[in-house]
N, C-alpha and C. Protein backbone atom coordinates (compact mmCIF):
# COMPACT_ATOMS: atom_id res chain seq x y z
N UNK A 1 101.55 107.34 85.93
CA UNK A 1 100.40 108.07 86.40
C UNK A 1 99.73 107.39 87.59
N UNK A 2 100.22 106.29 88.03
CA UNK A 2 99.63 105.63 89.19
C UNK A 2 98.51 104.68 88.83
N UNK A 3 97.69 104.41 89.80
CA UNK A 3 96.60 103.47 89.65
C UNK A 3 95.36 104.21 89.15
N UNK A 4 95.05 104.07 87.87
CA UNK A 4 93.90 104.76 87.28
C UNK A 4 92.72 103.79 87.24
N UNK A 5 91.70 104.10 88.00
CA UNK A 5 90.54 103.22 88.08
C UNK A 5 89.26 103.98 87.78
N UNK A 6 88.35 103.30 87.08
CA UNK A 6 87.05 103.87 86.77
C UNK A 6 85.99 102.83 87.12
N UNK A 7 84.92 103.30 87.74
CA UNK A 7 83.78 102.45 88.07
C UNK A 7 82.57 102.96 87.30
N UNK A 8 82.03 102.12 86.42
CA UNK A 8 80.78 102.44 85.73
C UNK A 8 79.65 101.82 86.52
N UNK A 9 78.58 102.58 86.72
CA UNK A 9 77.45 102.10 87.51
C UNK A 9 76.19 102.11 86.65
N UNK A 10 75.56 100.95 86.55
CA UNK A 10 74.26 100.87 85.87
C UNK A 10 73.19 101.03 86.94
N UNK A 11 72.45 102.13 86.86
CA UNK A 11 71.42 102.40 87.86
C UNK A 11 70.24 101.45 87.69
N UNK A 12 69.59 101.09 88.80
CA UNK A 12 68.41 100.23 88.70
C UNK A 12 67.29 100.94 87.93
N UNK A 13 66.59 100.21 87.12
CA UNK A 13 65.45 100.77 86.39
C UNK A 13 64.45 99.66 86.12
N UNK A 14 63.25 100.06 85.76
CA UNK A 14 62.23 99.09 85.40
C UNK A 14 61.41 99.66 84.26
N UNK A 15 60.71 98.77 83.56
CA UNK A 15 59.83 99.21 82.48
C UNK A 15 58.57 99.82 83.09
N UNK A 16 58.21 100.99 82.61
CA UNK A 16 57.05 101.68 83.16
C UNK A 16 55.76 100.91 82.91
N UNK A 17 55.65 100.27 81.77
CA UNK A 17 54.41 99.59 81.42
C UNK A 17 54.12 98.40 82.33
N UNK A 18 55.15 97.63 82.66
CA UNK A 18 54.92 96.42 83.47
C UNK A 18 55.46 96.55 84.90
N UNK A 19 56.36 97.50 85.12
CA UNK A 19 56.98 97.63 86.43
C UNK A 19 58.04 96.57 86.68
N UNK A 20 58.33 95.76 85.66
CA UNK A 20 59.31 94.68 85.79
C UNK A 20 60.72 95.27 85.88
N UNK A 21 61.45 94.84 86.90
CA UNK A 21 62.82 95.32 87.08
C UNK A 21 63.75 94.64 86.08
N UNK A 22 64.58 95.44 85.44
CA UNK A 22 65.43 94.94 84.37
C UNK A 22 66.89 94.86 84.79
N UNK A 23 67.33 95.72 85.68
CA UNK A 23 68.74 95.79 86.01
C UNK A 23 69.27 94.43 86.49
N UNK A 24 70.45 94.09 86.02
CA UNK A 24 71.07 92.83 86.42
C UNK A 24 70.68 91.65 85.56
N UNK A 25 69.71 91.82 84.70
CA UNK A 25 69.27 90.70 83.85
C UNK A 25 70.04 90.64 82.55
N UNK A 26 70.49 91.78 82.08
CA UNK A 26 71.19 91.85 80.80
C UNK A 26 72.51 92.57 80.98
N UNK A 27 73.51 92.18 80.21
CA UNK A 27 74.80 92.85 80.26
C UNK A 27 74.67 94.25 79.67
N UNK A 28 75.21 95.28 80.34
CA UNK A 28 75.13 96.65 79.82
C UNK A 28 76.11 96.83 78.65
N UNK A 29 75.64 96.52 77.47
CA UNK A 29 76.49 96.48 76.29
C UNK A 29 77.21 97.81 76.02
N UNK A 30 76.51 98.92 76.17
CA UNK A 30 77.12 100.23 75.94
C UNK A 30 78.28 100.48 76.90
N UNK A 31 78.09 100.14 78.17
CA UNK A 31 79.17 100.31 79.15
C UNK A 31 80.33 99.35 78.83
N UNK A 32 80.01 98.19 78.33
CA UNK A 32 81.04 97.23 77.95
C UNK A 32 81.92 97.76 76.83
N UNK A 33 81.29 98.36 75.81
CA UNK A 33 82.05 98.95 74.71
C UNK A 33 82.93 100.10 75.20
N UNK A 34 82.35 100.93 76.04
CA UNK A 34 83.09 102.07 76.59
C UNK A 34 84.28 101.60 77.43
N UNK A 35 84.05 100.60 78.27
CA UNK A 35 85.12 100.05 79.11
C UNK A 35 86.24 99.46 78.25
N UNK A 36 85.87 98.75 77.20
CA UNK A 36 86.86 98.16 76.32
C UNK A 36 87.74 99.23 75.68
N UNK A 37 87.15 100.31 75.25
CA UNK A 37 87.91 101.40 74.64
C UNK A 37 88.84 102.06 75.65
N UNK A 38 88.34 102.37 76.83
CA UNK A 38 89.12 103.09 77.84
C UNK A 38 90.27 102.24 78.38
N UNK A 39 90.12 100.93 78.42
CA UNK A 39 91.20 100.05 78.90
C UNK A 39 92.47 100.21 78.08
N UNK A 40 92.33 100.59 76.83
CA UNK A 40 93.50 100.79 75.96
C UNK A 40 94.44 101.87 76.50
N UNK A 41 93.92 102.74 77.33
CA UNK A 41 94.70 103.86 77.85
C UNK A 41 95.22 103.60 79.26
N UNK A 42 95.18 102.33 79.68
CA UNK A 42 95.78 101.95 80.95
C UNK A 42 94.88 102.04 82.17
N UNK A 43 93.58 102.22 81.97
CA UNK A 43 92.66 102.31 83.09
C UNK A 43 92.16 100.92 83.49
N UNK A 44 91.94 100.74 84.76
CA UNK A 44 91.30 99.55 85.29
C UNK A 44 89.81 99.86 85.40
N UNK A 45 88.98 99.05 84.80
CA UNK A 45 87.55 99.33 84.71
C UNK A 45 86.74 98.26 85.45
N UNK A 46 85.74 98.71 86.19
CA UNK A 46 84.75 97.81 86.78
C UNK A 46 83.38 98.30 86.35
N UNK A 47 82.51 97.35 86.06
CA UNK A 47 81.12 97.68 85.74
C UNK A 47 80.26 97.11 86.86
N UNK A 48 79.51 97.96 87.50
CA UNK A 48 78.67 97.54 88.63
C UNK A 48 77.22 97.44 88.17
N UNK A 49 76.67 96.25 88.35
CA UNK A 49 75.26 96.00 88.09
C UNK A 49 74.66 95.44 89.37
N UNK A 50 73.82 96.19 90.05
CA UNK A 50 73.24 95.67 91.28
C UNK A 50 72.32 94.49 91.00
N UNK A 51 72.22 93.60 91.97
CA UNK A 51 71.35 92.44 91.78
C UNK A 51 69.89 92.80 91.95
N UNK A 52 69.59 93.85 92.70
CA UNK A 52 68.21 94.32 92.85
C UNK A 52 68.21 95.77 93.29
N UNK A 53 67.07 96.40 93.14
CA UNK A 53 66.93 97.80 93.53
C UNK A 53 67.11 97.98 95.04
N UNK A 54 66.67 96.98 95.82
CA UNK A 54 66.74 97.08 97.27
C UNK A 54 68.17 97.01 97.81
N UNK A 55 69.03 96.24 97.16
CA UNK A 55 70.39 96.04 97.66
C UNK A 55 71.41 96.97 97.00
N UNK A 56 70.93 97.88 96.17
CA UNK A 56 71.81 98.75 95.38
C UNK A 56 72.83 99.50 96.22
N UNK A 57 72.38 100.21 97.26
CA UNK A 57 73.29 101.02 98.07
C UNK A 57 74.32 100.17 98.80
N UNK A 58 73.90 99.07 99.39
CA UNK A 58 74.83 98.21 100.13
C UNK A 58 75.87 97.59 99.21
N UNK A 59 75.44 97.11 98.07
CA UNK A 59 76.38 96.50 97.12
C UNK A 59 77.40 97.52 96.62
N UNK A 60 76.94 98.72 96.30
CA UNK A 60 77.84 99.75 95.81
C UNK A 60 78.81 100.18 96.90
N UNK A 61 78.32 100.36 98.11
CA UNK A 61 79.18 100.75 99.23
C UNK A 61 80.27 99.70 99.46
N UNK A 62 79.90 98.44 99.38
CA UNK A 62 80.87 97.36 99.58
C UNK A 62 81.91 97.36 98.47
N UNK A 63 81.47 97.62 97.26
CA UNK A 63 82.38 97.62 96.11
C UNK A 63 83.43 98.71 96.22
N UNK A 64 83.05 99.89 96.67
CA UNK A 64 84.02 100.98 96.75
C UNK A 64 84.58 101.15 98.15
N UNK A 65 84.22 100.22 99.04
CA UNK A 65 84.72 100.21 100.42
C UNK A 65 84.46 101.52 101.14
N UNK A 66 83.25 102.00 101.06
CA UNK A 66 82.86 103.25 101.69
C UNK A 66 82.22 102.96 103.04
N UNK A 67 82.55 103.72 104.07
CA UNK A 67 81.93 103.49 105.37
C UNK A 67 80.43 103.73 105.31
N UNK A 68 79.69 103.12 106.23
CA UNK A 68 78.24 103.28 106.22
C UNK A 68 77.82 104.74 106.34
N UNK A 69 78.56 105.51 107.11
CA UNK A 69 78.26 106.94 107.21
C UNK A 69 79.56 107.69 106.95
N UNK A 70 79.76 108.13 105.71
CA UNK A 70 81.03 108.80 105.39
C UNK A 70 81.20 110.09 106.19
N UNK A 71 82.43 110.52 106.31
CA UNK A 71 82.73 111.71 107.11
C UNK A 71 82.15 112.97 106.49
N UNK A 72 81.91 112.99 105.21
CA UNK A 72 81.38 114.19 104.56
C UNK A 72 79.86 114.20 104.56
N UNK A 73 79.23 113.22 105.16
CA UNK A 73 77.77 113.09 105.16
C UNK A 73 77.11 114.13 106.02
């Protein structure tokens, strides 16, 4: 079937009460379980956790090697 790849993305979020950003501080356990299960079927899995809300787009673009302005934009 070729190269089967899946990218899971944890979106940046923060707690409403404190405004404290949480993304990147903890491992996304649910995505980890899902990735572990899907790997059994021959898929290559990556889990993307941005380091901050500000760098989210650049980090994701670099990970999937997308041009700064895609042709479909």
